[in-house]
């Protein structure tokens, strides 16, 4: 009955940041971080992952890359990528997840 980012009681998104794909993720939770962990741990696909996979696919831009929506607050030694622009790290993680779970990109 549990989903990756929705309340099991109200079915509402628990926290809007859960569906933002940020890099570096730091200690924050998001669906890409969870799905990337599942692929790393070689977890088999589960129907409860459907909505998270659809959200990840829908965030792909017209160039086939994923943009960095924002950075989490906190000290950084240097900015690797700029918010609003394509992100190599988010794209890598999204493609890795989709490839592992054999989902259409």
PDB file of N, CA and C in Angstrom:
ATOM      1  N   UNK A   1       0.813  -1.190   0.000  1.00  0.00           N
ATOM      2  CA  UNK A   1       0.000   0.000   0.000  1.00  0.00           C
ATOM      3  C   UNK A   1       0.862   1.262   0.000  1.00  0.00           C
ATOM      4  N   UNK A   2       2.128   1.165   0.363  1.00  0.00           N
ATOM      5  CA  UNK A   2       2.979   2.351   0.404  1.00  0.00           C
ATOM      6  C   UNK A   2       3.538   2.675  -0.981  1.00  0.00           C
ATOM      7  N   UNK A   3       3.626   3.939  -1.250  1.00  0.00           N
ATOM      8  CA  UNK A   3       4.208   4.450  -2.487  1.00  0.00           C
ATOM      9  C   UNK A   3       5.533   5.110  -2.133  1.00  0.00           C
ATOM     10  N   UNK A   4       6.256   5.550  -3.135  1.00  0.00           N
ATOM     11  CA  UNK A   4       7.574   6.139  -2.886  1.00  0.00           C
ATOM     12  C   UNK A   4       7.510   7.582  -2.401  1.00  0.00           C
ATOM     13  N   UNK A   5       6.395   8.258  -2.675  1.00  0.00           N
ATOM     14  CA  UNK A   5       6.343   9.678  -2.325  1.00  0.00           C
ATOM     15  C   UNK A   5       4.939  10.159  -1.966  1.00  0.00           C
ATOM     16  N   UNK A   6       3.980   9.251  -1.911  1.00  0.00           N
ATOM     17  CA  UNK A   6       2.607   9.621  -1.583  1.00  0.00           C
ATOM     18  C   UNK A   6       2.214   9.066  -0.221  1.00  0.00           C
ATOM     19  N   UNK A   7       1.353   9.779   0.462  1.00  0.00           N
ATOM     20  CA  UNK A   7       0.821   9.326   1.742  1.00  0.00           C
ATOM     21  C   UNK A   7      -0.058   8.105   1.515  1.00  0.00           C
ATOM     22  N   UNK A   8       0.065   7.121   2.366  1.00  0.00           N
ATOM     23  CA  UNK A   8      -0.798   5.939   2.243  1.00  0.00           C
ATOM     24  C   UNK A   8      -2.205   6.211   2.783  1.00  0.00           C
ATOM     25  N   UNK A   9      -2.394   7.341   3.413  1.00  0.00           N
ATOM     26  CA  UNK A   9      -3.715   7.678   3.950  1.00  0.00           C
ATOM     27  C   UNK A   9      -4.483   8.626   3.026  1.00  0.00           C
ATOM     28  N   UNK A  10      -3.813   9.660   2.524  1.00  0.00           N
ATOM     29  CA  UNK A  10      -4.491  10.669   1.693  1.00  0.00           C
ATOM     30  C   UNK A  10      -4.140  10.552   0.212  1.00  0.00           C
ATOM     31  N   UNK A  11      -3.114   9.825  -0.125  1.00  0.00           N
ATOM     32  CA  UNK A  11      -2.582   9.673  -1.490  1.00  0.00           C
ATOM     33  C   UNK A  11      -2.004  10.970  -2.039  1.00  0.00           C
ATOM     34  N   UNK A  12      -1.858  11.980  -1.196  1.00  0.00           N
ATOM     35  CA  UNK A  12      -1.246  13.235  -1.636  1.00  0.00           C
ATOM     36  C   UNK A  12       0.266  13.099  -1.582  1.00  0.00           C
ATOM     37  N   UNK A  13       0.931  13.927  -2.372  1.00  0.00           N
ATOM     38  CA  UNK A  13       2.393  13.957  -2.338  1.00  0.00           C
ATOM     39  C   UNK A  13       2.799  14.477  -0.963  1.00  0.00           C
ATOM     40  N   UNK A  14       3.644  13.741  -0.289  1.00  0.00           N
ATOM     41  CA  UNK A  14       4.029  14.075   1.088  1.00  0.00           C
ATOM     42  C   UNK A  14       4.802  15.380   1.134  1.00  0.00           C
ATOM     43  N   UNK A  15       5.716  15.562   0.205  1.00  0.00           N
ATOM     44  CA  UNK A  15       6.546  16.764   0.158  1.00  0.00           C
ATOM     45  C   UNK A  15       6.859  17.019  -1.317  1.00  0.00           C
ATOM     46  N   UNK A  16       6.595  18.221  -1.802  1.00  0.00           N
ATOM     47  CA  UNK A  16       6.802  18.517  -3.230  1.00  0.00           C
ATOM     48  C   UNK A  16       8.263  18.337  -3.653  1.00  0.00           C
ATOM     49  N   UNK A  17       9.188  18.427  -2.709  1.00  0.00           N
ATOM     50  CA  UNK A  17      10.600  18.218  -3.045  1.00  0.00           C
ATOM     51  C   UNK A  17      10.900  16.766  -3.404  1.00  0.00           C
ATOM     52  N   UNK A  18      10.013  15.842  -3.037  1.00  0.00           N
ATOM     53  CA  UNK A  18      10.230  14.435  -3.349  1.00  0.00           C
ATOM     54  C   UNK A  18      10.207  14.176  -4.854  1.00  0.00           C
ATOM     55  N   UNK A  19       9.560  15.042  -5.628  1.00  0.00           N
ATOM     56  CA  UNK A  19       9.494  14.835  -7.074  1.00  0.00           C
ATOM     57  C   UNK A  19      10.413  15.784  -7.843  1.00  0.00           C
ATOM     58  N   UNK A  20      11.266  16.522  -7.149  1.00  0.00           N
ATOM     59  CA  UNK A  20      12.303  17.333  -7.781  1.00  0.00           C
ATOM     60  C   UNK A  20      13.555  16.473  -7.889  1.00  0.00           C
ATOM     61  N   UNK A  21      14.210  16.556  -9.023  1.00  0.00           N
ATOM     62  CA  UNK A  21      15.408  15.754  -9.243  1.00  0.00           C
ATOM     63  C   UNK A  21      16.626  16.669  -9.124  1.00  0.00           C
ATOM     64  N   UNK A  22      17.192  16.757  -7.953  1.00  0.00           N
ATOM     65  CA  UNK A  22      18.310  17.676  -7.704  1.00  0.00           C
ATOM     66  C   UNK A  22      19.637  16.937  -7.631  1.00  0.00           C
ATOM     67  N   UNK A  23      20.706  17.693  -7.927  1.00  0.00           N
ATOM     68  CA  UNK A  23      22.044  17.150  -7.766  1.00  0.00           C
ATOM     69  C   UNK A  23      22.947  18.258  -7.243  1.00  0.00           C
ATOM     70  N   UNK A  24      23.751  18.042  -6.259  1.00  0.00           N
ATOM     71  CA  UNK A  24      23.845  16.801  -5.493  1.00  0.00           C
ATOM     72  C   UNK A  24      22.635  16.650  -4.571  1.00  0.00           C
ATOM     73  N   UNK A  25      22.193  15.420  -4.344  1.00  0.00           N
ATOM     74  CA  UNK A  25      20.994  15.232  -3.526  1.00  0.00           C
ATOM     75  C   UNK A  25      21.209  15.490  -2.044  1.00  0.00           C
ATOM     76  N   UNK A  26      22.478  15.458  -1.620  1.00  0.00           N
ATOM     77  CA  UNK A  26      22.812  15.620  -0.199  1.00  0.00           C
ATOM     78  C   UNK A  26      22.025  14.622   0.633  1.00  0.00           C
ATOM     79  N   UNK A  27      21.454  15.042   1.736  1.00  0.00           N
ATOM     80  CA  UNK A  27      20.702  14.119   2.590  1.00  0.00           C
ATOM     81  C   UNK A  27      19.229  14.097   2.236  1.00  0.00           C
ATOM     82  N   UNK A  28      18.804  14.910   1.262  1.00  0.00           N
ATOM     83  CA  UNK A  28      17.398  15.013   0.901  1.00  0.00           C
ATOM     84  C   UNK A  28      16.919  13.773   0.147  1.00  0.00           C
ATOM     85  N   UNK A  29      15.660  13.440   0.334  1.00  0.00           N
ATOM     86  CA  UNK A  29      15.027  12.321  -0.363  1.00  0.00           C
ATOM     87  C   UNK A  29      14.348  12.836  -1.618  1.00  0.00           C
ATOM     88  N   UNK A  30      14.477  12.105  -2.708  1.00  0.00           N
ATOM     89  CA  UNK A  30      13.659  12.337  -3.895  1.00  0.00           C
ATOM     90  C   UNK A  30      13.494  11.017  -4.631  1.00  0.00           C
ATOM     91  N   UNK A  31      12.555  10.980  -5.562  1.00  0.00           N
ATOM     92  CA  UNK A  31      12.242   9.712  -6.221  1.00  0.00           C
ATOM     93  C   UNK A  31      13.402   9.180  -7.051  1.00  0.00           C
ATOM     94  N   UNK A  32      14.196  10.064  -7.650  1.00  0.00           N
ATOM     95  CA  UNK A  32      15.330   9.580  -8.431  1.00  0.00           C
ATOM     96  C   UNK A  32      16.389   8.967  -7.521  1.00  0.00           C
ATOM     97  N   UNK A  33      16.605   9.568  -6.386  1.00  0.00           N
ATOM     98  CA  UNK A  33      17.559   9.011  -5.420  1.00  0.00           C
ATOM     99  C   UNK A  33      17.099   7.618  -4.970  1.00  0.00           C
ATOM    100  N   UNK A  34      15.803   7.473  -4.693  1.00  0.00           N
ATOM    101  CA  UNK A  34      15.267   6.178  -4.271  1.00  0.00           C
ATOM    102  C   UNK A  34      15.382   5.148  -5.389  1.00  0.00           C
ATOM    103  N   UNK A  35      14.989   5.532  -6.599  1.00  0.00           N
ATOM    104  CA  UNK A  35      15.031   4.591  -7.720  1.00  0.00           C
ATOM    105  C   UNK A  35      16.473   4.231  -8.087  1.00  0.00           C
ATOM    106  N   UNK A  36      17.387   5.177  -7.955  1.00  0.00           N
ATOM    107  CA  UNK A  36      18.794   4.886  -8.225  1.00  0.00           C
ATOM    108  C   UNK A  36      19.340   3.902  -7.194  1.00  0.00           C
ATOM    109  N   UNK A  37      18.908   4.037  -5.954  1.00  0.00           N
ATOM    110  CA  UNK A  37      19.311   3.078  -4.932  1.00  0.00           C
ATOM    111  C   UNK A  37      18.773   1.686  -5.276  1.00  0.00           C
ATOM    112  N   UNK A  38      17.505   1.618  -5.689  1.00  0.00           N
ATOM    113  CA  UNK A  38      16.908   0.319  -6.020  1.00  0.00           C
ATOM    114  C   UNK A  38      17.639  -0.349  -7.180  1.00  0.00           C
ATOM    115  N   UNK A  39      18.027   0.429  -8.185  1.00  0.00           N
ATOM    116  CA  UNK A  39      18.763  -0.187  -9.297  1.00  0.00           C
ATOM    117  C   UNK A  39      20.136  -0.645  -8.834  1.00  0.00           C
ATOM    118  N   UNK A  40      20.782   0.127  -7.982  1.00  0.00           N
ATOM    119  CA  UNK A  40      22.102  -0.247  -7.459  1.00  0.00           C
ATOM    120  C   UNK A  40      22.017  -1.535  -6.639  1.00  0.00           C
ATOM    121  N   UNK A  41      20.944  -1.662  -5.868  1.00  0.00           N
ATOM    122  CA  UNK A  41      20.746  -2.839  -5.027  1.00  0.00           C
ATOM    123  C   UNK A  41      20.153  -4.018  -5.811  1.00  0.00           C
ATOM    124  N   UNK A  42      19.926  -3.789  -7.106  1.00  0.00           N
ATOM    125  CA  UNK A  42      19.377  -4.827  -7.991  1.00  0.00           C
ATOM    126  C   UNK A  42      18.003  -5.324  -7.542  1.00  0.00           C
ATOM    127  N   UNK A  43      17.201  -4.390  -7.042  1.00  0.00           N
ATOM    128  CA  UNK A  43      15.824  -4.692  -6.643  1.00  0.00           C
ATOM    129  C   UNK A  43      15.001  -4.901  -7.910  1.00  0.00           C
ATOM    130  N   UNK A  44      14.146  -5.898  -7.909  1.00  0.00           N
ATOM    131  CA  UNK A  44      13.278  -6.143  -9.057  1.00  0.00           C
ATOM    132  C   UNK A  44      12.167  -5.100  -9.103  1.00  0.00           C
ATOM    133  N   UNK A  45      11.669  -4.869 -10.314  1.00  0.00           N
ATOM    134  CA  UNK A  45      10.622  -3.875 -10.512  1.00  0.00           C
ATOM    135  C   UNK A  45       9.366  -4.255  -9.734  1.00  0.00           C
ATOM    136  N   UNK A  46       8.736  -3.250  -9.190  1.00  0.00           N
ATOM    137  CA  UNK A  46       7.514  -3.412  -8.415  1.00  0.00           C
ATOM    138  C   UNK A  46       6.517  -2.386  -8.952  1.00  0.00           C
ATOM    139  N   UNK A  47       5.257  -2.762  -9.070  1.00  0.00           N
ATOM    140  CA  UNK A  47       4.242  -1.855  -9.611  1.00  0.00           C
ATOM    141  C   UNK A  47       4.139  -0.538  -8.846  1.00  0.00           C
ATOM    142  N   UNK A  48       4.555  -0.526  -7.596  1.00  0.00           N
ATOM    143  CA  UNK A  48       4.508   0.714  -6.814  1.00  0.00           C
ATOM    144  C   UNK A  48       5.503   1.747  -7.328  1.00  0.00           C
ATOM    145  N   UNK A  49       6.409   1.325  -8.208  1.00  0.00           N
ATOM    146  CA  UNK A  49       7.392   2.235  -8.797  1.00  0.00           C
ATOM    147  C   UNK A  49       6.847   2.943 -10.032  1.00  0.00           C
ATOM    148  N   UNK A  50       5.698   2.507 -10.551  1.00  0.00           N
ATOM    149  CA  UNK A  50       5.157   3.030 -11.811  1.00  0.00           C
ATOM    150  C   UNK A  50       5.094   4.552 -11.870  1.00  0.00           C
ATOM    151  N   UNK A  51       4.475   5.157 -10.880  1.00  0.00           N
ATOM    152  CA  UNK A  51       4.283   6.607 -10.934  1.00  0.00           C
ATOM    153  C   UNK A  51       5.614   7.353 -10.862  1.00  0.00           C
ATOM    154  N   UNK A  52       6.532   6.870 -10.060  1.00  0.00           N
ATOM    155  CA  UNK A  52       7.852   7.509  -9.970  1.00  0.00           C
ATOM    156  C   UNK A  52       8.572   7.429 -11.318  1.00  0.00           C
ATOM    157  N   UNK A  53       8.511   6.277 -11.965  1.00  0.00           N
ATOM    158  CA  UNK A  53       9.143   6.114 -13.280  1.00  0.00           C
ATOM    159  C   UNK A  53       8.507   7.069 -14.290  1.00  0.00           C
ATOM    160  N   UNK A  54       7.188   7.175 -14.283  1.00  0.00           N
ATOM    161  CA  UNK A  54       6.501   8.086 -15.215  1.00  0.00           C
ATOM    162  C   UNK A  54       6.922   9.530 -14.980  1.00  0.00           C
ATOM    163  N   UNK A  55       7.045   9.922 -13.731  1.00  0.00           N
ATOM    164  CA  UNK A  55       7.471  11.294 -13.424  1.00  0.00           C
ATOM    165  C   UNK A  55       8.888  11.527 -13.926  1.00  0.00           C
ATOM    166  N   UNK A  56       9.773  10.571 -13.702  1.00  0.00           N
ATOM    167  CA  UNK A  56      11.156  10.704 -14.174  1.00  0.00           C
ATOM    168  C   UNK A  56      11.180  10.835 -15.696  1.00  0.00           C
ATOM    169  N   UNK A  57      10.450   9.987 -16.399  1.00  0.00           N
ATOM    170  CA  UNK A  57      10.398  10.053 -17.863  1.00  0.00           C
ATOM    171  C   UNK A  57       9.837  11.396 -18.322  1.00  0.00           C
ATOM    172  N   UNK A  58       8.791  11.872 -17.675  1.00  0.00           N
ATOM    173  CA  UNK A  58       8.157  13.135 -18.083  1.00  0.00           C
ATOM    174  C   UNK A  58       9.023  14.361 -17.828  1.00  0.00           C
ATOM    175  N   UNK A  59      10.031  14.239 -17.001  1.00  0.00           N
ATOM    176  CA  UNK A  59      10.913  15.373 -16.725  1.00  0.00           C
ATOM    177  C   UNK A  59      12.040  15.490 -17.757  1.00  0.00           C
ATOM    178  N   UNK A  60      12.118  14.543 -18.671  1.00  0.00           N
ATOM    179  CA  UNK A  60      13.143  14.602 -19.725  1.00  0.00           C
ATOM    180  C   UNK A  60      12.820  15.760 -20.664  1.00  0.00           C
ATOM    181  N   UNK A  61      13.823  16.541 -21.041  1.00  0.00           N
ATOM    182  CA  UNK A  61      13.568  17.673 -21.937  1.00  0.00           C
ATOM    183  C   UNK A  61      13.585  17.214 -23.396  1.00  0.00           C
ATOM    184  N   UNK A  62      13.313  18.133 -24.313  1.00  0.00           N
ATOM    185  CA  UNK A  62      13.190  17.777 -25.730  1.00  0.00           C
ATOM    186  C   UNK A  62      14.509  17.291 -26.341  1.00  0.00           C
ATOM    187  N   UNK A  63      15.630  17.593 -25.684  1.00  0.00           N
ATOM    188  CA  UNK A  63      16.933  17.130 -26.161  1.00  0.00           C
ATOM    189  C   UNK A  63      17.286  15.752 -25.620  1.00  0.00           C
ATOM    190  N   UNK A  64      16.390  15.162 -24.823  1.00  0.00           N
ATOM    191  CA  UNK A  64      16.651  13.840 -24.262  1.00  0.00           C
ATOM    192  C   UNK A  64      17.480  13.864 -22.991  1.00  0.00           C
ATOM    193  N   UNK A  65      17.600  15.045 -22.387  1.00  0.00           N
ATOM    194  CA  UNK A  65      18.362  15.203 -21.147  1.00  0.00           C
ATOM    195  C   UNK A  65      17.417  15.640 -20.031  1.00  0.00           C
ATOM    196  N   UNK A  66      17.913  15.592 -18.826  1.00  0.00           N
ATOM    197  CA  UNK A  66      17.138  16.063 -17.672  1.00  0.00           C
ATOM    198  C   UNK A  66      17.786  17.331 -17.159  1.00  0.00           C
ATOM    199  N   UNK A  67      16.964  18.345 -16.845  1.00  0.00           N
ATOM    200  CA  UNK A  67      17.477  19.615 -16.331  1.00  0.00           C
ATOM    201  C   UNK A  67      17.631  19.565 -14.822  1.00  0.00           C
ATOM    202  N   UNK A  68      18.522  20.395 -14.337  1.00  0.00           N
ATOM    203  CA  UNK A  68      18.682  20.603 -12.896  1.00  0.00           C
ATOM    204  C   UNK A  68      17.696  21.695 -12.502  1.00  0.00           C
ATOM    205  N   UNK A  69      16.644  21.361 -11.735  1.00  0.00           N
ATOM    206  CA  UNK A  69      15.650  22.388 -11.392  1.00  0.00           C
ATOM    207  C   UNK A  69      16.181  23.416 -10.392  1.00  0.00           C
ATOM    208  N   UNK A  70      16.962  22.958  -9.428  1.00  0.00           N
ATOM    209  CA  UNK A  70      17.471  23.842  -8.375  1.00  0.00           C
ATOM    210  C   UNK A  70      18.545  23.100  -7.593  1.00  0.00           C
ATOM    211  N   UNK A  71      19.295  23.852  -6.822  1.00  0.00           N
ATOM    212  CA  UNK A  71      20.257  23.251  -5.891  1.00  0.00           C
ATOM    213  C   UNK A  71      19.661  23.271  -4.497  1.00  0.00           C
ATOM    214  N   UNK A  72      19.996  22.281  -3.712  1.00  0.00           N
ATOM    215  CA  UNK A  72      19.610  22.327  -2.305  1.00  0.00           C
ATOM    216  C   UNK A  72      20.488  23.365  -1.614  1.00  0.00           C
ATOM    217  N   UNK A  73      19.966  24.016  -0.588  1.00  0.00           N
ATOM    218  CA  UNK A  73      20.773  25.010   0.116  1.00  0.00           C
ATOM    219  C   UNK A  73      21.940  24.355   0.839  1.00  0.00           C
ATOM    220  N   UNK A  74      22.985  25.114   0.981  1.00  0.00           N
ATOM    221  CA  UNK A  74      24.155  24.613   1.694  1.00  0.00           C
ATOM    222  C   UNK A  74      25.439  25.015   0.987  1.00  0.00           C
ATOM    223  N   UNK A  75      26.510  24.905   1.703  1.00  0.00           N
ATOM    224  CA  UNK A  75      27.811  25.300   1.178  1.00  0.00           C
ATOM    225  C   UNK A  75      28.276  24.313   0.105  1.00  0.00           C
ATOM    226  N   UNK A  76      28.791  24.884  -0.979  1.00  0.00           N
ATOM    227  CA  UNK A  76      29.369  24.074  -2.049  1.00  0.00           C
ATOM    228  C   UNK A  76      30.728  24.667  -2.379  1.00  0.00           C
ATOM    229  N   UNK A  77      31.681  23.818  -2.650  1.00  0.00           N
ATOM    230  CA  UNK A  77      33.015  24.306  -3.011  1.00  0.00           C
ATOM    231  C   UNK A  77      33.008  24.937  -4.400  1.00  0.00           C
ATOM    232  N   UNK A  78      32.202  24.395  -5.295  1.00  0.00           N
ATOM    233  CA  UNK A  78      32.033  24.972  -6.624  1.00  0.00           C
ATOM    234  C   UNK A  78      30.729  24.428  -7.213  1.00  0.00           C
ATOM    235  N   UNK A  79      30.140  25.188  -8.131  1.00  0.00           N
ATOM    236  CA  UNK A  79      28.913  24.748  -8.797  1.00  0.00           C
ATOM    237  C   UNK A  79      29.288  23.864  -9.973  1.00  0.00           C
ATOM    238  N   UNK A  80      28.803  22.643  -9.960  1.00  0.00           N
ATOM    239  CA  UNK A  80      29.084  21.737 -11.069  1.00  0.00           C
ATOM    240  C   UNK A  80      28.169  22.029 -12.250  1.00  0.00           C
ATOM    241  N   UNK A  81      26.920  22.398 -11.951  1.00  0.00           N
ATOM    242  CA  UNK A  81      25.935  22.656 -12.990  1.00  0.00           C
ATOM    243  C   UNK A  81      25.040  23.801 -12.547  1.00  0.00           C
ATOM    244  N   UNK A  82      24.449  24.466 -13.513  1.00  0.00           N
ATOM    245  CA  UNK A  82      23.592  25.611 -13.195  1.00  0.00           C
ATOM    246  C   UNK A  82      22.124  25.203 -13.237  1.00  0.00           C
ATOM    247  N   UNK A  83      21.338  25.643 -12.245  1.00  0.00           N
ATOM    248  CA  UNK A  83      19.898  25.354 -12.248  1.00  0.00           C
ATOM    249  C   UNK A  83      19.239  25.847 -13.538  1.00  0.00           C
ATOM    250  N   UNK A  84      18.300  25.052 -14.040  1.00  0.00           N
ATOM    251  CA  UNK A  84      17.589  25.394 -15.267  1.00  0.00           C
ATOM    252  C   UNK A  84      18.244  24.861 -16.524  1.00  0.00           C
ATOM    253  N   UNK A  85      19.462  24.367 -16.410  1.00  0.00           N
ATOM    254  CA  UNK A  85      20.181  23.839 -17.568  1.00  0.00           C
ATOM    255  C   UNK A  85      20.262  22.319 -17.485  1.00  0.00           C
ATOM    256  N   UNK A  86      20.558  21.665 -18.618  1.00  0.00           N
ATOM    257  CA  UNK A  86      20.699  20.206 -18.592  1.00  0.00           C
ATOM    258  C   UNK A  86      21.754  19.764 -17.579  1.00  0.00           C
ATOM    259  N   UNK A  87      21.452  18.664 -16.921  1.00  0.00           N
ATOM    260  CA  UNK A  87      22.326  18.128 -15.887  1.00  0.00           C
ATOM    261  C   UNK A  87      22.895  16.779 -16.318  1.00  0.00           C
ATOM    262  N   UNK A  88      24.211  16.701 -16.391  1.00  0.00           N
ATOM    263  CA  UNK A  88      24.845  15.417 -16.726  1.00  0.00           C
ATOM    264  C   UNK A  88      24.593  14.389 -15.640  1.00  0.00           C
ATOM    265  N   UNK A  89      24.594  14.820 -14.395  1.00  0.00           N
ATOM    266  CA  UNK A  89      24.439  13.882 -13.281  1.00  0.00           C
ATOM    267  C   UNK A  89      23.020  13.354 -13.163  1.00  0.00           C
ATOM    268  N   UNK A  90      22.039  14.223 -13.300  1.00  0.00           N
ATOM    269  CA  UNK A  90      20.652  13.763 -13.242  1.00  0.00           C
ATOM    270  C   UNK A  90      20.354  12.883 -14.452  1.00  0.00           C
ATOM    271  N   UNK A  91      20.847  13.275 -15.623  1.00  0.00           N
ATOM    272  CA  UNK A  91      20.654  12.463 -16.828  1.00  0.00           C
ATOM    273  C   UNK A  91      21.276  11.084 -16.652  1.00  0.00           C
ATOM    274  N   UNK A  92      22.495  11.018 -16.135  1.00  0.00           N
ATOM    275  CA  UNK A  92      23.150   9.730 -15.900  1.00  0.00           C
ATOM    276  C   UNK A  92      22.317   8.858 -14.971  1.00  0.00           C
ATOM    277  N   UNK A  93      21.877   9.423 -13.864  1.00  0.00           N
ATOM    278  CA  UNK A  93      21.116   8.647 -12.877  1.00  0.00           C
ATOM    279  C   UNK A  93      19.769   8.210 -13.449  1.00  0.00           C
ATOM    280  N   UNK A  94      19.081   9.098 -14.179  1.00  0.00           N
ATOM    281  CA  UNK A  94      17.783   8.748 -14.769  1.00  0.00           C
ATOM    282  C   UNK A  94      17.940   7.638 -15.812  1.00  0.00           C
ATOM    283  N   UNK A  95      18.936   7.752 -16.672  1.00  0.00           N
ATOM    284  CA  UNK A  95      19.154   6.715 -17.683  1.00  0.00           C
ATOM    285  C   UNK A  95      19.527   5.381 -17.047  1.00  0.00           C
ATOM    286  N   UNK A  96      20.309   5.434 -15.999  1.00  0.00           N
ATOM    287  CA  UNK A  96      20.706   4.212 -15.285  1.00  0.00           C
ATOM    288  C   UNK A  96      19.467   3.515 -14.707  1.00  0.00           C
ATOM    289  N   UNK A  97      18.566   4.291 -14.114  1.00  0.00           N
ATOM    290  CA  UNK A  97      17.332   3.746 -13.536  1.00  0.00           C
ATOM    291  C   UNK A  97      16.454   3.148 -14.636  1.00  0.00           C
ATOM    292  N   UNK A  98      16.240   3.907 -15.708  1.00  0.00           N
ATOM    293  CA  UNK A  98      15.364   3.441 -16.781  1.00  0.00           C
ATOM    294  C   UNK A  98      15.931   2.201 -17.471  1.00  0.00           C
ATOM    295  N   UNK A  99      17.234   2.164 -17.643  1.00  0.00           N
ATOM    296  CA  UNK A  99      17.868   0.995 -18.253  1.00  0.00           C
ATOM    297  C   UNK A  99      17.714  -0.226 -17.356  1.00  0.00           C
ATOM    298  N   UNK A 100      17.945  -0.059 -16.054  1.00  0.00           N
ATOM    299  CA  UNK A 100      17.853  -1.177 -15.132  1.00  0.00           C
ATOM    300  C   UNK A 100      16.437  -1.768 -15.101  1.00  0.00           C
ATOM    301  N   UNK A 101      15.449  -0.891 -15.069  1.00  0.00           N
ATOM    302  CA  UNK A 101      14.076  -1.361 -14.967  1.00  0.00           C
ATOM    303  C   UNK A 101      13.429  -1.572 -16.334  1.00  0.00           C
ATOM    304  N   UNK A 102      14.236  -1.417 -17.402  1.00  0.00           N
ATOM    305  CA  UNK A 102      13.793  -1.668 -18.776  1.00  0.00           C
ATOM    306  C   UNK A 102      12.526  -0.885 -19.120  1.00  0.00           C
ATOM    307  N   UNK A 103      12.583   0.396 -18.826  1.00  0.00           N
ATOM    308  CA  UNK A 103      11.442   1.272 -19.121  1.00  0.00           C
ATOM    309  C   UNK A 103      11.794   2.151 -20.311  1.00  0.00           C
ATOM    310  N   UNK A 104      10.790   2.456 -21.127  1.00  0.00           N
ATOM    311  CA  UNK A 104      11.013   3.305 -22.301  1.00  0.00           C
ATOM    312  C   UNK A 104      11.503   4.668 -21.857  1.00  0.00           C
ATOM    313  N   UNK A 105      12.481   5.130 -22.558  1.00  0.00           N
ATOM    314  CA  UNK A 105      13.018   6.454 -22.269  1.00  0.00           C
ATOM    315  C   UNK A 105      12.343   7.401 -23.207  1.00  0.00           C
TER     316      UNK A 105
END
